[in-house]
Amino acid sequence: MSVESRERILARVAEATASRAGLPHPGALETPLTDDPEAAFVKRFTSSGGEVVEADRVRGRSVWLTRLLRGLDPEVVGVAVGPEVPPEFRPRLPEVAAAHAGAGISVAWAAVAESGSLILPSTGTRAVQLLPPVHVVWVPRGRVYGRLEDALRELRRNLSAGVGLHSGPSKSADIGRTVVTGVHGPGRCMAVLGSHASAGTSET
């Protein structure tokens, strides 16, 4: 498109909208709060095909995660790990490039009950989040919020310019309206609750 064509189009748009009355901001959505955000998150996340597991509080996190990954079908023998994941939350498995990993390991900034979503960084670790067939996400204790607006308000001082919202495994119904998982990302997404990991944010 030439510069002249672009300017003509923008001029027509400006002319057409100049006489339109402005509308007031609709304000907050006022989504009802839930008494148990964690239970509501689990219900929403699993209804979208996600999996939720509780971290073993007795066995070390690294050992527990290693056994979990080795027990999957197929067994995970190599992992890609986001830089935000602390050593005690990394499985005792060889770390490989995301394109060759059986699982990617991340730490969420938070989880949201109303949408069943995990809030993840959108830069730096996207390959870890999207390329392996399994994505395991540690959810920091106390960071499951009822509403997205509450989570973003609480985390606003530490968030980057963009975030990713993951609501279960990758799904698509583009072809024949048949839902297929794992087309544009991991076929399995597992949220691990009950951790004390943090992703660049202070604990609440």
C-alpha atoms as a PDB file:
ATOM      1  CA  MET A   1       0.000   0.000   0.000  1.00  0.00           C
ATOM      2  CA  SER A   2       1.385   3.394  -0.984  1.00  0.00           C
ATOM      3  CA  VAL A   3       1.692   6.272   1.453  1.00  0.00           C
ATOM      4  CA  GLU A   4      -0.933   8.231  -0.509  1.00  0.00           C
ATOM      5  CA  SER A   5      -3.460   5.374  -0.328  1.00  0.00           C
ATOM      6  CA  ARG A   6      -2.889   4.970   3.392  1.00  0.00           C
ATOM      7  CA  GLU A   7      -3.425   8.667   4.018  1.00  0.00           C
ATOM      8  CA  ARG A   8      -6.662   8.692   1.986  1.00  0.00           C
ATOM      9  CA  ILE A   9      -8.015   5.724   3.953  1.00  0.00           C
ATOM     10  CA  LEU A  10      -7.119   7.289   7.299  1.00  0.00           C
ATOM     11  CA  ALA A  11      -8.697  10.569   6.239  1.00  0.00           C
ATOM     12  CA  ARG A  12     -11.971   8.822   5.368  1.00  0.00           C
ATOM     13  CA  VAL A  13     -11.965   6.989   8.686  1.00  0.00           C
ATOM     14  CA  ALA A  14     -11.352  10.245  10.581  1.00  0.00           C
ATOM     15  CA  GLU A  15     -14.159  11.969   8.661  1.00  0.00           C
ATOM     16  CA  ALA A  16     -16.621   9.143   9.294  1.00  0.00           C
ATOM     17  CA  THR A  17     -15.935   9.032  13.028  1.00  0.00           C
ATOM     18  CA  ALA A  18     -15.677  12.778  13.680  1.00  0.00           C
ATOM     19  CA  SER A  19     -19.398  13.222  14.254  1.00  0.00           C
ATOM     20  CA  ARG A  20     -19.886  10.157  16.411  1.00  0.00           C
ATOM     21  CA  ALA A  21     -20.706  10.756  20.042  1.00  0.00           C
ATOM     22  CA  GLY A  22     -18.222   9.352  22.523  1.00  0.00           C
ATOM     23  CA  LEU A  23     -19.237   6.495  24.774  1.00  0.00           C
ATOM     24  CA  PRO A  24     -18.412   6.343  28.481  1.00  0.00           C
ATOM     25  CA  HIS A  25     -15.931   3.749  29.656  1.00  0.00           C
ATOM     26  CA  PRO A  26     -17.841   0.618  30.726  1.00  0.00           C
ATOM     27  CA  GLY A  27     -15.763   0.319  33.881  1.00  0.00           C
ATOM     28  CA  ALA A  28     -14.821  -2.898  35.647  1.00  0.00           C
ATOM     29  CA  LEU A  29     -16.528  -6.108  34.603  1.00  0.00           C
ATOM     30  CA  GLU A  30     -17.467  -6.786  38.224  1.00  0.00           C
ATOM     31  CA  THR A  31     -16.898 -10.508  37.964  1.00  0.00           C
ATOM     32  CA  PRO A  32     -18.234 -12.085  41.185  1.00  0.00           C
ATOM     33  CA  LEU A  33     -15.486 -13.073  43.598  1.00  0.00           C
ATOM     34  CA  THR A  34     -15.166 -16.711  44.599  1.00  0.00           C
ATOM     35  CA  ASP A  35     -14.598 -17.877  48.160  1.00  0.00           C
ATOM     36  CA  ASP A  36     -12.011 -20.424  46.987  1.00  0.00           C
ATOM     37  CA  PRO A  37      -9.957 -19.088  44.033  1.00  0.00           C
ATOM     38  CA  GLU A  38      -7.698 -22.154  43.959  1.00  0.00           C
ATOM     39  CA  ALA A  39     -10.617 -24.583  43.624  1.00  0.00           C
ATOM     40  CA  ALA A  40     -12.212 -22.379  40.957  1.00  0.00           C
ATOM     41  CA  PHE A  41      -8.932 -22.239  39.032  1.00  0.00           C
ATOM     42  CA  VAL A  42      -8.583 -26.025  39.128  1.00  0.00           C
ATOM     43  CA  LYS A  43     -12.137 -26.463  37.820  1.00  0.00           C
ATOM     44  CA  ARG A  44     -11.671 -24.013  34.944  1.00  0.00           C
ATOM     45  CA  PHE A  45      -8.167 -25.111  34.006  1.00  0.00           C
ATOM     46  CA  THR A  46      -9.019 -28.811  33.918  1.00  0.00           C
ATOM     47  CA  SER A  47     -12.244 -28.170  31.991  1.00  0.00           C
ATOM     48  CA  SER A  48     -10.052 -26.738  29.219  1.00  0.00           C
ATOM     49  CA  GLY A  49      -7.873 -29.849  29.142  1.00  0.00           C
ATOM     50  CA  GLY A  50      -5.201 -28.706  31.570  1.00  0.00           C
ATOM     51  CA  GLU A  51      -3.881 -30.915  34.358  1.00  0.00           C
ATOM     52  CA  VAL A  52      -3.309 -29.906  37.976  1.00  0.00           C
ATOM     53  CA  VAL A  53      -0.999 -31.723  40.358  1.00  0.00           C
ATOM     54  CA  GLU A  54      -0.067 -30.988  43.959  1.00  0.00           C
ATOM     55  CA  ALA A  55       3.618 -30.817  44.751  1.00  0.00           C
ATOM     56  CA  ASP A  56       4.888 -33.388  47.233  1.00  0.00           C
ATOM     57  CA  ARG A  57       5.646 -31.488  50.439  1.00  0.00           C
ATOM     58  CA  VAL A  58       7.819 -34.254  51.874  1.00  0.00           C
ATOM     59  CA  ARG A  59      10.004 -35.233  48.947  1.00  0.00           C
ATOM     60  CA  GLY A  60      12.289 -32.539  47.515  1.00  0.00           C
ATOM     61  CA  ARG A  61      10.759 -30.589  44.621  1.00  0.00           C
ATOM     62  CA  SER A  62      13.534 -31.562  42.199  1.00  0.00           C
ATOM     63  CA  VAL A  63      13.248 -35.274  43.020  1.00  0.00           C
ATOM     64  CA  TRP A  64       9.446 -35.172  42.910  1.00  0.00           C
ATOM     65  CA  LEU A  65       9.376 -33.487  39.490  1.00  0.00           C
ATOM     66  CA  THR A  66      11.968 -35.887  38.120  1.00  0.00           C
ATOM     67  CA  ARG A  67       9.809 -38.866  39.097  1.00  0.00           C
ATOM     68  CA  LEU A  68       6.698 -37.210  37.690  1.00  0.00           C
ATOM     69  CA  LEU A  69       8.317 -36.643  34.301  1.00  0.00           C
ATOM     70  CA  ARG A  70       9.800 -40.142  34.166  1.00  0.00           C
ATOM     71  CA  GLY A  71       6.365 -41.561  34.895  1.00  0.00           C
ATOM     72  CA  LEU A  72       4.691 -39.832  31.945  1.00  0.00           C
ATOM     73  CA  ASP A  73       3.882 -41.651  28.717  1.00  0.00           C
ATOM     74  CA  PRO A  74       6.148 -41.277  26.878  1.00  0.00           C
ATOM     75  CA  GLU A  75       8.819 -40.890  29.533  1.00  0.00           C
ATOM     76  CA  VAL A  76      10.577 -37.514  29.529  1.00  0.00           C
ATOM     77  CA  VAL A  77      14.357 -37.854  29.318  1.00  0.00           C
ATOM     78  CA  GLY A  78      15.373 -34.284  28.466  1.00  0.00           C
ATOM     79  CA  VAL A  79      13.925 -30.927  29.523  1.00  0.00           C
ATOM     80  CA  ALA A  80      14.060 -27.255  28.604  1.00  0.00           C
ATOM     81  CA  VAL A  81      14.018 -24.975  31.641  1.00  0.00           C
ATOM     82  CA  GLY A  82      13.170 -21.289  31.795  1.00  0.00           C
ATOM     83  CA  PRO A  83      15.830 -19.031  33.334  1.00  0.00           C
ATOM     84  CA  GLU A  84      13.363 -17.962  36.041  1.00  0.00           C
ATOM     85  CA  VAL A  85      13.142 -21.501  37.465  1.00  0.00           C
ATOM     86  CA  PRO A  86      15.286 -21.801  40.646  1.00  0.00           C
ATOM     87  CA  PRO A  87      17.650 -24.802  41.019  1.00  0.00           C
ATOM     88  CA  GLU A  88      15.452 -26.593  43.581  1.00  0.00           C
ATOM     89  CA  PHE A  89      12.576 -26.655  41.068  1.00  0.00           C
ATOM     90  CA  ARG A  90      14.598 -28.080  38.189  1.00  0.00           C
ATOM     91  CA  PRO A  91      14.285 -31.823  37.550  1.00  0.00           C
ATOM     92  CA  ARG A  92      17.362 -34.020  37.655  1.00  0.00           C
ATOM     93  CA  LEU A  93      17.276 -34.623  33.929  1.00  0.00           C
ATOM     94  CA  PRO A  94      19.534 -33.431  31.098  1.00  0.00           C
ATOM     95  CA  GLU A  95      18.710 -29.918  29.928  1.00  0.00           C
ATOM     96  CA  VAL A  96      18.426 -29.679  26.148  1.00  0.00           C
ATOM     97  CA  ALA A  97      17.223 -27.159  23.577  1.00  0.00           C
ATOM     98  CA  ALA A  98      13.477 -26.540  23.682  1.00  0.00           C
ATOM     99  CA  ALA A  99      12.986 -27.974  20.186  1.00  0.00           C
ATOM    100  CA  HIS A 100      14.375 -31.340  21.366  1.00  0.00           C
ATOM    101  CA  ALA A 101      12.970 -31.418  24.926  1.00  0.00           C
ATOM    102  CA  GLY A 102      10.280 -33.764  26.145  1.00  0.00           C
ATOM    103  CA  ALA A 103       9.020 -31.123  28.573  1.00  0.00           C
ATOM    104  CA  GLY A 104       9.389 -27.429  29.268  1.00  0.00           C
ATOM    105  CA  ILE A 105       9.565 -26.171  32.861  1.00  0.00           C
ATOM    106  CA  SER A 106       8.342 -22.680  33.787  1.00  0.00           C
ATOM    107  CA  VAL A 107       7.283 -20.628  36.793  1.00  0.00           C
ATOM    108  CA  ALA A 108       4.038 -18.633  36.497  1.00  0.00           C
ATOM    109  CA  TRP A 109       3.689 -15.135  37.817  1.00  0.00           C
ATOM    110  CA  ALA A 110       0.181 -16.071  38.926  1.00  0.00           C
ATOM    111  CA  ALA A 111      -2.970 -18.051  38.123  1.00  0.00           C
ATOM    112  CA  VAL A 112      -6.490 -16.694  37.550  1.00  0.00           C
ATOM    113  CA  ALA A 113      -9.637 -18.466  38.708  1.00  0.00           C
ATOM    114  CA  GLU A 114     -12.237 -16.732  36.498  1.00  0.00           C
ATOM    115  CA  SER A 115     -10.548 -17.850  33.256  1.00  0.00           C
ATOM    116  CA  GLY A 116      -8.497 -20.821  34.439  1.00  0.00           C
ATOM    117  CA  SER A 117      -5.366 -19.137  33.106  1.00  0.00           C
ATOM    118  CA  LEU A 118      -1.689 -19.079  34.003  1.00  0.00           C
ATOM    119  CA  ILE A 119       0.077 -15.723  33.700  1.00  0.00           C
ATOM    120  CA  LEU A 120       3.501 -16.278  32.163  1.00  0.00           C
ATOM    121  CA  PRO A 121       6.224 -13.988  30.788  1.00  0.00           C
ATOM    122  CA  SER A 122       5.826 -13.413  27.054  1.00  0.00           C
ATOM    123  CA  THR A 123       9.493 -12.830  26.341  1.00  0.00           C
ATOM    124  CA  GLY A 124      12.677 -14.777  26.929  1.00  0.00           C
ATOM    125  CA  THR A 125      11.129 -18.182  27.650  1.00  0.00           C
ATOM    126  CA  ARG A 126       8.534 -18.584  24.895  1.00  0.00           C
ATOM    127  CA  ALA A 127      10.411 -21.488  23.303  1.00  0.00           C
ATOM    128  CA  VAL A 128      10.326 -23.350  26.627  1.00  0.00           C
ATOM    129  CA  GLN A 129       6.592 -22.708  26.907  1.00  0.00           C
ATOM    130  CA  LEU A 130       5.607 -23.600  23.346  1.00  0.00           C
ATOM    131  CA  LEU A 131       7.983 -26.082  21.703  1.00  0.00           C
ATOM    132  CA  PRO A 132       8.101 -29.161  24.016  1.00  0.00           C
ATOM    133  CA  PRO A 133       5.059 -31.493  23.927  1.00  0.00           C
ATOM    134  CA  VAL A 134       4.587 -31.140  27.702  1.00  0.00           C
ATOM    135  CA  HIS A 135       4.634 -27.857  29.636  1.00  0.00           C
ATOM    136  CA  VAL A 136       4.975 -28.020  33.430  1.00  0.00           C
ATOM    137  CA  VAL A 137       4.293 -24.766  35.261  1.00  0.00           C
ATOM    138  CA  TRP A 138       5.041 -24.134  38.926  1.00  0.00           C
ATOM    139  CA  VAL A 139       2.375 -21.877  40.477  1.00  0.00           C
ATOM    140  CA  PRO A 140       3.726 -19.880  43.447  1.00  0.00           C
ATOM    141  CA  ARG A 141       1.825 -20.343  46.701  1.00  0.00           C
ATOM    142  CA  GLY A 142      -0.639 -17.531  47.374  1.00  0.00           C
ATOM    143  CA  ARG A 143      -0.707 -16.364  43.752  1.00  0.00           C
ATOM    144  CA  VAL A 144      -4.050 -17.783  42.611  1.00  0.00           C
ATOM    145  CA  TYR A 145      -6.325 -14.777  42.142  1.00  0.00           C
ATOM    146  CA  GLY A 146     -10.075 -14.681  41.625  1.00  0.00           C
ATOM    147  CA  ARG A 147     -10.023 -12.187  38.755  1.00  0.00           C
ATOM    148  CA  LEU A 148      -7.502 -11.206  36.083  1.00  0.00           C
ATOM    149  CA  GLU A 149      -7.744  -7.534  37.064  1.00  0.00           C
ATOM    150  CA  ASP A 150      -6.807  -8.414  40.654  1.00  0.00           C
ATOM    151  CA  ALA A 151      -3.771 -10.394  39.524  1.00  0.00           C
ATOM    152  CA  LEU A 152      -2.528  -7.667  37.182  1.00  0.00           C
ATOM    153  CA  ARG A 153      -3.096  -4.977  39.808  1.00  0.00           C
ATOM    154  CA  GLU A 154      -1.105  -6.955  42.380  1.00  0.00           C
ATOM    155  CA  LEU A 155       1.732  -7.776  39.991  1.00  0.00           C
ATOM    156  CA  ARG A 156       1.850  -4.512  38.014  1.00  0.00           C
ATOM    157  CA  ARG A 157       5.133  -3.284  39.492  1.00  0.00           C
ATOM    158  CA  ASN A 158       7.004  -6.396  38.359  1.00  0.00           C
ATOM    159  CA  LEU A 159       5.358  -7.261  35.041  1.00  0.00           C
ATOM    160  CA  SER A 160       7.091  -6.776  31.705  1.00  0.00           C
ATOM    161  CA  ALA A 161       5.459  -5.035  28.750  1.00  0.00           C
ATOM    162  CA  GLY A 162       3.657  -8.223  27.737  1.00  0.00           C
ATOM    163  CA  VAL A 163       2.401 -11.402  29.367  1.00  0.00           C
ATOM    164  CA  GLY A 164       1.103 -14.714  28.104  1.00  0.00           C
ATOM    165  CA  LEU A 165      -2.161 -16.260  29.316  1.00  0.00           C
ATOM    166  CA  HIS A 166      -2.125 -20.060  29.093  1.00  0.00           C
ATOM    167  CA  SER A 167      -5.472 -21.754  29.688  1.00  0.00           C
ATOM    168  CA  GLY A 168      -4.612 -25.410  29.183  1.00  0.00           C
ATOM    169  CA  PRO A 169      -2.959 -27.238  26.280  1.00  0.00           C
ATOM    170  CA  SER A 170      -2.778 -25.823  22.770  1.00  0.00           C
ATOM    171  CA  LYS A 171      -6.000 -26.503  20.845  1.00  0.00           C
ATOM    172  CA  SER A 172      -7.249 -25.802  17.332  1.00  0.00           C
ATOM    173  CA  ALA A 173     -10.446 -26.549  15.413  1.00  0.00           C
ATOM    174  CA  ASP A 174      -9.446 -24.837  12.173  1.00  0.00           C
ATOM    175  CA  ILE A 175      -9.848 -27.968  10.037  1.00  0.00           C
ATOM    176  CA  GLY A 176     -13.255 -29.608   9.854  1.00  0.00           C
ATOM    177  CA  ARG A 177     -14.268 -28.095  13.213  1.00  0.00           C
ATOM    178  CA  THR A 178     -12.515 -30.997  14.918  1.00  0.00           C
ATOM    179  CA  VAL A 179     -10.653 -30.015  18.075  1.00  0.00           C
ATOM    180  CA  VAL A 180      -7.036 -31.185  18.023  1.00  0.00           C
ATOM    181  CA  THR A 181      -4.571 -30.591  20.865  1.00  0.00           C
ATOM    182  CA  GLY A 182      -0.882 -29.868  20.533  1.00  0.00           C
ATOM    183  CA  VAL A 183      -1.096 -28.153  17.137  1.00  0.00           C
ATOM    184  CA  HIS A 184       0.379 -24.743  18.002  1.00  0.00           C
ATOM    185  CA  GLY A 185       2.013 -25.665  21.297  1.00  0.00           C
ATOM    186  CA  PRO A 186       2.189 -28.344  24.014  1.00  0.00           C
ATOM    187  CA  GLY A 187      -0.388 -31.118  23.957  1.00  0.00           C
ATOM    188  CA  ARG A 188      -0.218 -31.309  27.752  1.00  0.00           C
ATOM    189  CA  CYS A 189      -0.097 -28.394  30.177  1.00  0.00           C
ATOM    190  CA  MET A 190       0.393 -29.231  33.858  1.00  0.00           C
ATOM    191  CA  ALA A 191       0.047 -26.698  36.669  1.00  0.00           C
ATOM    192  CA  VAL A 192       1.883 -27.602  39.865  1.00  0.00           C
ATOM    193  CA  LEU A 193       0.225 -26.055  42.908  1.00  0.00           C
ATOM    194  CA  GLY A 194       1.746 -25.619  46.334  1.00  0.00           C
ATOM    195  CA  SER A 195       5.200 -24.350  45.395  1.00  0.00           C
ATOM    196  CA  HIS A 196       7.181 -21.467  46.859  1.00  0.00           C
ATOM    197  CA  ALA A 197       8.828 -20.629  43.542  1.00  0.00           C
ATOM    198  CA  SER A 198       8.719 -17.075  42.285  1.00  0.00           C
ATOM    199  CA  ALA A 199       9.154 -15.640  38.809  1.00  0.00           C
ATOM    200  CA  GLY A 200      10.768 -12.315  39.497  1.00  0.00           C
ATOM    201  CA  THR A 201       8.046 -11.212  41.892  1.00  0.00           C
ATOM    202  CA  SER A 202       8.046 -10.942  45.651  1.00  0.00           C
ATOM    203  CA  GLU A 203       6.012 -13.429  47.666  1.00  0.00           C
ATOM    204  CA  THR A 204       2.728 -12.254  49.134  1.00  0.00           C
END
